[in-house]
N, C-alpha and C. Protein backbone atom coordinates (compact mmCIF):
# COMPACT_ATOMS: atom_id res chain seq x y z
N MET A 1 74.89 80.62 -75.39
CA MET A 1 75.69 79.56 -75.86
C MET A 1 74.85 78.28 -75.88
N VAL A 2 74.76 77.59 -76.98
CA VAL A 2 73.98 76.38 -77.16
C VAL A 2 74.92 75.20 -77.04
N MET A 3 74.51 74.23 -76.17
CA MET A 3 75.35 73.05 -75.97
C MET A 3 74.92 71.95 -76.93
N LYS A 4 75.86 71.41 -77.64
CA LYS A 4 75.58 70.31 -78.54
C LYS A 4 75.88 68.99 -77.84
N GLY A 5 75.15 67.93 -78.21
CA GLY A 5 75.39 66.61 -77.63
C GLY A 5 75.01 66.56 -76.16
N ARG A 6 73.87 67.15 -75.83
CA ARG A 6 73.39 67.19 -74.46
C ARG A 6 73.27 65.77 -73.89
N ARG A 7 73.77 65.55 -72.67
CA ARG A 7 73.75 64.24 -72.04
C ARG A 7 72.76 64.23 -70.89
N GLY A 8 72.27 62.99 -70.55
CA GLY A 8 71.34 62.85 -69.42
C GLY A 8 69.94 62.52 -69.89
N PHE A 9 69.07 62.35 -68.92
CA PHE A 9 67.69 61.99 -69.21
C PHE A 9 66.78 63.15 -68.87
N SER A 10 65.70 63.26 -69.62
CA SER A 10 64.73 64.30 -69.31
C SER A 10 63.86 63.83 -68.15
N LEU A 11 63.17 64.73 -67.53
CA LEU A 11 62.29 64.41 -66.41
C LEU A 11 61.18 63.44 -66.84
N ILE A 12 60.67 63.61 -68.01
CA ILE A 12 59.60 62.74 -68.51
C ILE A 12 60.12 61.31 -68.67
N GLU A 13 61.31 61.13 -69.17
CA GLU A 13 61.88 59.79 -69.32
C GLU A 13 62.05 59.11 -67.95
N VAL A 14 62.51 59.85 -66.98
CA VAL A 14 62.70 59.29 -65.64
C VAL A 14 61.35 58.89 -65.03
N VAL A 15 60.33 59.73 -65.19
CA VAL A 15 59.00 59.44 -64.65
C VAL A 15 58.41 58.21 -65.31
N ILE A 16 58.58 58.06 -66.60
CA ILE A 16 58.05 56.89 -67.32
C ILE A 16 58.72 55.61 -66.83
N VAL A 17 60.03 55.64 -66.66
CA VAL A 17 60.75 54.46 -66.18
C VAL A 17 60.29 54.11 -64.76
N LEU A 18 60.15 55.11 -63.89
CA LEU A 18 59.68 54.85 -62.52
C LEU A 18 58.27 54.29 -62.51
N ALA A 19 57.41 54.76 -63.39
CA ALA A 19 56.05 54.24 -63.49
C ALA A 19 56.06 52.77 -63.91
N ILE A 20 56.90 52.42 -64.87
CA ILE A 20 57.00 51.03 -65.33
C ILE A 20 57.49 50.13 -64.19
N VAL A 21 58.49 50.59 -63.45
CA VAL A 21 59.01 49.82 -62.32
C VAL A 21 57.92 49.65 -61.25
N ALA A 22 57.19 50.71 -60.95
CA ALA A 22 56.13 50.64 -59.93
C ALA A 22 55.03 49.67 -60.34
N ILE A 23 54.63 49.69 -61.59
CA ILE A 23 53.60 48.77 -62.07
C ILE A 23 54.10 47.33 -61.99
N SER A 24 55.35 47.10 -62.37
CA SER A 24 55.92 45.75 -62.31
C SER A 24 55.96 45.22 -60.88
N LEU A 25 56.37 46.06 -59.94
CA LEU A 25 56.40 45.64 -58.54
C LEU A 25 54.99 45.42 -57.99
N GLY A 26 54.03 46.22 -58.45
CA GLY A 26 52.65 46.04 -58.02
C GLY A 26 52.08 44.71 -58.47
N ILE A 27 52.51 44.24 -59.62
CA ILE A 27 52.04 42.96 -60.13
C ILE A 27 52.81 41.80 -59.49
N ALA A 28 54.11 41.92 -59.38
CA ALA A 28 54.94 40.81 -58.90
C ALA A 28 55.02 40.74 -57.37
N GLY A 29 54.83 41.83 -56.68
CA GLY A 29 54.98 41.88 -55.22
C GLY A 29 54.14 40.88 -54.46
N PRO A 30 52.82 40.81 -54.71
CA PRO A 30 52.00 39.83 -53.99
C PRO A 30 52.43 38.38 -54.23
N ARG A 31 52.89 38.09 -55.43
CA ARG A 31 53.33 36.72 -55.72
C ARG A 31 54.59 36.39 -54.93
N ILE A 32 55.48 37.35 -54.79
CA ILE A 32 56.69 37.13 -54.01
C ILE A 32 56.33 36.89 -52.55
N GLY A 33 55.39 37.70 -52.02
CA GLY A 33 54.94 37.53 -50.64
C GLY A 33 54.28 36.19 -50.40
N ALA A 34 53.47 35.74 -51.37
CA ALA A 34 52.82 34.43 -51.25
C ALA A 34 53.86 33.32 -51.26
N GLY A 35 54.91 33.49 -52.02
CA GLY A 35 55.98 32.49 -52.05
C GLY A 35 56.65 32.36 -50.69
N PHE A 36 56.89 33.47 -50.03
CA PHE A 36 57.48 33.43 -48.68
C PHE A 36 56.52 32.77 -47.70
N GLY A 37 55.22 33.05 -47.86
CA GLY A 37 54.22 32.43 -46.99
C GLY A 37 54.20 30.93 -47.14
N ARG A 38 54.29 30.44 -48.38
CA ARG A 38 54.34 28.99 -48.62
C ARG A 38 55.59 28.38 -48.01
N LEU A 39 56.72 29.08 -48.14
CA LEU A 39 57.96 28.57 -47.55
C LEU A 39 57.85 28.43 -46.03
N GLU A 40 57.27 29.43 -45.38
CA GLU A 40 57.11 29.37 -43.93
C GLU A 40 56.16 28.24 -43.53
N LEU A 41 55.10 28.03 -44.32
CA LEU A 41 54.15 26.96 -44.03
C LEU A 41 54.82 25.60 -44.16
N PHE A 42 55.60 25.40 -45.22
CA PHE A 42 56.29 24.13 -45.41
C PHE A 42 57.39 23.92 -44.37
N LYS A 43 58.01 25.00 -43.93
CA LYS A 43 59.02 24.89 -42.88
C LYS A 43 58.37 24.44 -41.57
N ALA A 44 57.21 25.00 -41.26
CA ALA A 44 56.49 24.61 -40.04
C ALA A 44 56.04 23.15 -40.14
N GLU A 45 55.59 22.73 -41.31
CA GLU A 45 55.19 21.33 -41.50
C GLU A 45 56.39 20.40 -41.26
N GLY A 46 57.54 20.77 -41.79
CA GLY A 46 58.75 19.97 -41.58
C GLY A 46 59.15 19.91 -40.12
N THR A 47 58.98 21.00 -39.40
CA THR A 47 59.29 21.04 -37.98
C THR A 47 58.42 20.06 -37.21
N ILE A 48 57.12 20.05 -37.50
CA ILE A 48 56.20 19.14 -36.82
C ILE A 48 56.54 17.69 -37.16
N LYS A 49 56.83 17.41 -38.43
CA LYS A 49 57.19 16.05 -38.83
C LYS A 49 58.46 15.59 -38.11
N ASN A 50 59.43 16.49 -37.98
CA ASN A 50 60.68 16.13 -37.27
C ASN A 50 60.43 15.85 -35.80
N LEU A 51 59.54 16.63 -35.17
CA LEU A 51 59.21 16.36 -33.77
C LEU A 51 58.53 15.00 -33.61
N ILE A 52 57.67 14.66 -34.56
CA ILE A 52 57.00 13.35 -34.52
C ILE A 52 58.03 12.23 -34.69
N LYS A 53 58.95 12.39 -35.63
CA LYS A 53 59.99 11.37 -35.83
C LYS A 53 60.84 11.21 -34.57
N PHE A 54 61.25 12.32 -33.99
CA PHE A 54 62.05 12.27 -32.78
C PHE A 54 61.25 11.63 -31.65
N GLY A 55 59.96 11.97 -31.54
CA GLY A 55 59.11 11.39 -30.52
C GLY A 55 58.98 9.88 -30.69
N ARG A 56 58.87 9.41 -31.93
CA ARG A 56 58.80 7.97 -32.17
C ARG A 56 60.09 7.27 -31.74
N LEU A 57 61.21 7.88 -32.08
CA LEU A 57 62.50 7.30 -31.68
C LEU A 57 62.63 7.22 -30.17
N GLU A 58 62.24 8.30 -29.49
CA GLU A 58 62.33 8.32 -28.03
C GLU A 58 61.36 7.33 -27.40
N ALA A 59 60.16 7.20 -27.98
CA ALA A 59 59.18 6.26 -27.44
C ALA A 59 59.70 4.83 -27.56
N GLN A 60 60.33 4.51 -28.68
CA GLN A 60 60.87 3.17 -28.86
C GLN A 60 62.09 2.94 -27.96
N ARG A 61 62.94 3.95 -27.87
CA ARG A 61 64.15 3.81 -27.06
C ARG A 61 63.83 3.65 -25.58
N ARG A 62 62.88 4.45 -25.09
CA ARG A 62 62.52 4.41 -23.67
C ARG A 62 61.41 3.40 -23.36
N ASP A 63 60.78 2.88 -24.40
CA ASP A 63 59.64 1.97 -24.27
C ASP A 63 58.52 2.59 -23.43
N ARG A 64 58.30 3.86 -23.66
CA ARG A 64 57.23 4.61 -22.98
C ARG A 64 56.64 5.62 -23.96
N ALA A 65 55.39 5.95 -23.75
CA ALA A 65 54.72 6.91 -24.63
C ALA A 65 55.35 8.30 -24.50
N GLN A 66 55.33 9.02 -25.58
CA GLN A 66 55.78 10.42 -25.62
C GLN A 66 54.57 11.25 -26.06
N TYR A 67 54.61 12.54 -25.80
CA TYR A 67 53.46 13.39 -26.10
C TYR A 67 53.89 14.65 -26.83
N LEU A 68 53.16 14.97 -27.87
CA LEU A 68 53.41 16.20 -28.60
C LEU A 68 52.26 17.16 -28.29
N LEU A 69 52.57 18.28 -27.67
CA LEU A 69 51.57 19.29 -27.34
C LEU A 69 51.69 20.44 -28.33
N LEU A 70 50.55 20.85 -28.85
CA LEU A 70 50.50 21.95 -29.81
C LEU A 70 49.80 23.12 -29.14
N ASP A 71 50.56 24.15 -28.83
CA ASP A 71 50.04 25.33 -28.15
C ASP A 71 49.67 26.38 -29.18
N ARG A 72 48.37 26.57 -29.35
CA ARG A 72 47.88 27.52 -30.36
C ARG A 72 48.26 28.95 -30.03
N GLN A 73 48.11 29.34 -28.78
CA GLN A 73 48.36 30.73 -28.42
C GLN A 73 49.84 31.04 -28.32
N GLY A 74 50.63 30.08 -27.84
CA GLY A 74 52.07 30.28 -27.77
C GLY A 74 52.77 29.98 -29.09
N ARG A 75 52.00 29.48 -30.06
CA ARG A 75 52.51 29.15 -31.39
C ARG A 75 53.76 28.29 -31.31
N SER A 76 53.64 27.23 -30.49
CA SER A 76 54.79 26.35 -30.34
C SER A 76 54.34 24.90 -30.23
N ALA A 77 55.27 24.01 -30.49
CA ALA A 77 55.05 22.58 -30.34
C ALA A 77 56.08 22.07 -29.34
N VAL A 78 55.62 21.29 -28.38
CA VAL A 78 56.48 20.79 -27.31
C VAL A 78 56.39 19.27 -27.28
N LEU A 79 57.53 18.63 -27.31
CA LEU A 79 57.59 17.18 -27.18
C LEU A 79 57.92 16.85 -25.73
N LEU A 80 57.01 16.08 -25.09
CA LEU A 80 57.18 15.72 -23.68
C LEU A 80 57.42 14.23 -23.55
N SER A 81 58.24 13.87 -22.57
CA SER A 81 58.47 12.46 -22.28
C SER A 81 57.31 11.95 -21.43
N SER A 82 57.32 10.68 -21.10
CA SER A 82 56.25 10.09 -20.30
C SER A 82 56.19 10.68 -18.89
N ASP A 83 57.32 11.18 -18.38
CA ASP A 83 57.32 11.83 -17.07
C ASP A 83 57.07 13.33 -17.16
N MET A 84 56.65 13.78 -18.33
CA MET A 84 56.26 15.17 -18.62
C MET A 84 57.43 16.15 -18.60
N SER A 85 58.63 15.68 -18.80
CA SER A 85 59.76 16.59 -18.95
C SER A 85 59.88 16.97 -20.43
N VAL A 86 60.30 18.19 -20.68
CA VAL A 86 60.39 18.70 -22.04
C VAL A 86 61.61 18.12 -22.74
N LEU A 87 61.36 17.46 -23.87
CA LEU A 87 62.45 16.93 -24.68
C LEU A 87 62.87 17.94 -25.75
N ARG A 88 61.89 18.53 -26.39
CA ARG A 88 62.16 19.55 -27.42
C ARG A 88 61.00 20.53 -27.47
N ARG A 89 61.35 21.77 -27.81
CA ARG A 89 60.35 22.82 -28.00
C ARG A 89 60.70 23.57 -29.28
N GLU A 90 59.71 23.71 -30.15
CA GLU A 90 59.91 24.43 -31.41
C GLU A 90 58.82 25.47 -31.57
N SER A 91 59.19 26.63 -32.07
CA SER A 91 58.23 27.70 -32.34
C SER A 91 57.89 27.73 -33.83
N LEU A 92 56.68 28.18 -34.10
CA LEU A 92 56.24 28.33 -35.49
C LEU A 92 56.67 29.69 -36.03
N PRO A 93 56.83 29.80 -37.35
CA PRO A 93 57.08 31.12 -37.93
C PRO A 93 55.92 32.06 -37.62
N PRO A 94 56.16 33.36 -37.63
CA PRO A 94 55.11 34.32 -37.24
C PRO A 94 53.82 34.25 -38.05
N SER A 95 53.91 33.85 -39.31
CA SER A 95 52.71 33.86 -40.15
C SER A 95 51.96 32.53 -40.13
N VAL A 96 52.41 31.57 -39.32
CA VAL A 96 51.79 30.24 -39.30
C VAL A 96 51.17 29.98 -37.94
N SER A 97 49.99 29.35 -37.93
CA SER A 97 49.33 29.00 -36.68
C SER A 97 48.70 27.61 -36.79
N PHE A 98 48.40 27.02 -35.64
CA PHE A 98 47.73 25.73 -35.60
C PHE A 98 46.24 25.94 -35.78
N VAL A 99 45.59 24.99 -36.42
CA VAL A 99 44.14 24.95 -36.50
C VAL A 99 43.71 23.76 -35.67
N THR A 100 43.00 24.02 -34.58
CA THR A 100 42.58 22.95 -33.69
C THR A 100 41.07 22.77 -33.74
N ARG A 101 40.65 21.57 -33.40
CA ARG A 101 39.23 21.27 -33.38
C ARG A 101 38.57 22.03 -32.24
N ASP A 102 37.42 22.55 -32.45
CA ASP A 102 36.64 23.28 -31.45
C ASP A 102 37.38 24.48 -30.86
N ASP A 103 38.37 24.99 -31.59
CA ASP A 103 39.14 26.17 -31.16
C ASP A 103 39.72 26.05 -29.75
N VAL A 104 40.15 24.85 -29.38
CA VAL A 104 40.83 24.69 -28.10
C VAL A 104 42.23 25.29 -28.21
N SER A 105 42.78 25.71 -27.08
CA SER A 105 44.08 26.39 -27.14
C SER A 105 45.25 25.41 -27.19
N VAL A 106 45.05 24.17 -26.71
CA VAL A 106 46.13 23.18 -26.72
C VAL A 106 45.56 21.86 -27.25
N ALA A 107 46.28 21.27 -28.18
CA ALA A 107 45.93 19.95 -28.69
C ALA A 107 47.11 19.03 -28.43
N SER A 108 46.85 17.72 -28.43
CA SER A 108 47.94 16.79 -28.14
C SER A 108 47.89 15.59 -29.07
N VAL A 109 49.06 15.00 -29.24
CA VAL A 109 49.21 13.76 -29.99
C VAL A 109 50.04 12.84 -29.10
N SER A 110 49.53 11.63 -28.90
CA SER A 110 50.23 10.62 -28.11
C SER A 110 51.02 9.72 -29.07
N ILE A 111 52.28 9.49 -28.72
CA ILE A 111 53.15 8.65 -29.55
C ILE A 111 53.50 7.40 -28.74
N ALA A 112 52.96 6.26 -29.18
CA ALA A 112 53.17 4.99 -28.47
C ALA A 112 54.53 4.41 -28.83
N PRO A 113 55.07 3.54 -27.99
CA PRO A 113 56.36 2.90 -28.31
C PRO A 113 56.33 2.11 -29.61
N SER A 114 55.15 1.65 -30.01
CA SER A 114 55.02 0.92 -31.27
C SER A 114 55.11 1.86 -32.48
N GLY A 115 55.07 3.17 -32.22
CA GLY A 115 55.13 4.14 -33.30
C GLY A 115 53.76 4.67 -33.71
N LEU A 116 52.70 4.10 -33.16
CA LEU A 116 51.35 4.57 -33.48
C LEU A 116 51.09 5.93 -32.85
N LEU A 117 50.37 6.76 -33.59
CA LEU A 117 50.03 8.10 -33.12
C LEU A 117 48.55 8.17 -32.84
N ARG A 118 48.19 8.82 -31.75
CA ARG A 118 46.79 9.04 -31.42
C ARG A 118 46.58 10.52 -31.18
N GLY A 119 45.56 11.05 -31.84
CA GLY A 119 45.23 12.45 -31.67
C GLY A 119 44.54 12.98 -32.90
N ASP A 120 44.10 14.19 -32.80
CA ASP A 120 43.45 14.84 -33.93
C ASP A 120 44.48 15.16 -35.01
N PRO A 121 44.04 15.25 -36.25
CA PRO A 121 44.96 15.66 -37.32
C PRO A 121 45.55 17.04 -37.02
N ILE A 122 46.79 17.23 -37.38
CA ILE A 122 47.46 18.51 -37.15
C ILE A 122 47.34 19.34 -38.42
N LYS A 123 46.68 20.49 -38.28
CA LYS A 123 46.53 21.40 -39.42
C LYS A 123 47.27 22.69 -39.11
N LEU A 124 47.93 23.19 -40.12
CA LEU A 124 48.65 24.47 -40.01
C LEU A 124 48.03 25.44 -40.99
N ARG A 125 47.89 26.69 -40.57
CA ARG A 125 47.34 27.73 -41.43
C ARG A 125 48.36 28.86 -41.56
N GLY A 126 48.59 29.26 -42.81
CA GLY A 126 49.49 30.35 -43.09
C GLY A 126 48.84 31.34 -44.04
N ARG A 127 49.60 32.31 -44.49
CA ARG A 127 49.08 33.32 -45.42
C ARG A 127 48.67 32.71 -46.75
N SER A 128 49.31 31.61 -47.12
CA SER A 128 49.06 31.03 -48.44
C SER A 128 48.09 29.85 -48.40
N GLY A 129 47.50 29.56 -47.24
CA GLY A 129 46.54 28.47 -47.16
C GLY A 129 46.76 27.60 -45.95
N GLU A 130 46.26 26.35 -46.06
CA GLU A 130 46.37 25.41 -44.97
C GLU A 130 47.05 24.14 -45.46
N VAL A 131 47.67 23.43 -44.51
CA VAL A 131 48.28 22.14 -44.83
C VAL A 131 48.03 21.21 -43.63
N GLU A 132 47.77 19.95 -43.93
CA GLU A 132 47.55 18.97 -42.86
C GLU A 132 48.78 18.07 -42.78
N VAL A 133 49.31 17.95 -41.58
CA VAL A 133 50.48 17.09 -41.36
C VAL A 133 49.97 15.66 -41.22
N ALA A 134 50.46 14.79 -42.05
CA ALA A 134 50.02 13.39 -42.03
C ALA A 134 50.56 12.69 -40.80
N LEU A 135 49.66 12.07 -40.04
CA LEU A 135 50.04 11.30 -38.85
C LEU A 135 50.14 9.84 -39.25
N ARG A 136 51.29 9.43 -39.75
CA ARG A 136 51.50 8.04 -40.16
C ARG A 136 52.53 7.39 -39.30
C-alpha cells in the first residue's frame, strides 16, 4: 500500500537544519559570552564608584578619613571608617579581578574629608578587557 501526501521531514532535512543552527551558535556564542563579560566588568566598576561616593559622604559627615581596601585574593572591596570598622563590603563578579601595582594582594585608597582621594589607580580586569576606575 503506497501512502500519498506523506508528512514529516526526512533525516537529511533534519541534519541540515541542525548543522545550520550549530554553525550559527558557533559564530554568535563567543560574542554573547563577551557581552556578559563586559556587563560584569561595568557592574564591578559601578560597585567601586558607589563605594567611593559613599566613602566621600561618610568622610565629610564624620570629618575623618575613610579607607577603601581592595583585596585581590578575596575579590572584594571593603570600605573602612577611620577607626577601622567595616562600613560596607562588596564582592566582585567571578570573572572580574583587581589589577594592582607590583602584584600586591591588597591595595588601598584613602578618602579625605575634603573628598580628595589618595592611592594608586584602581584597575579591573575581566574576560573582555580592562577598565580603570577614575579617582576624581
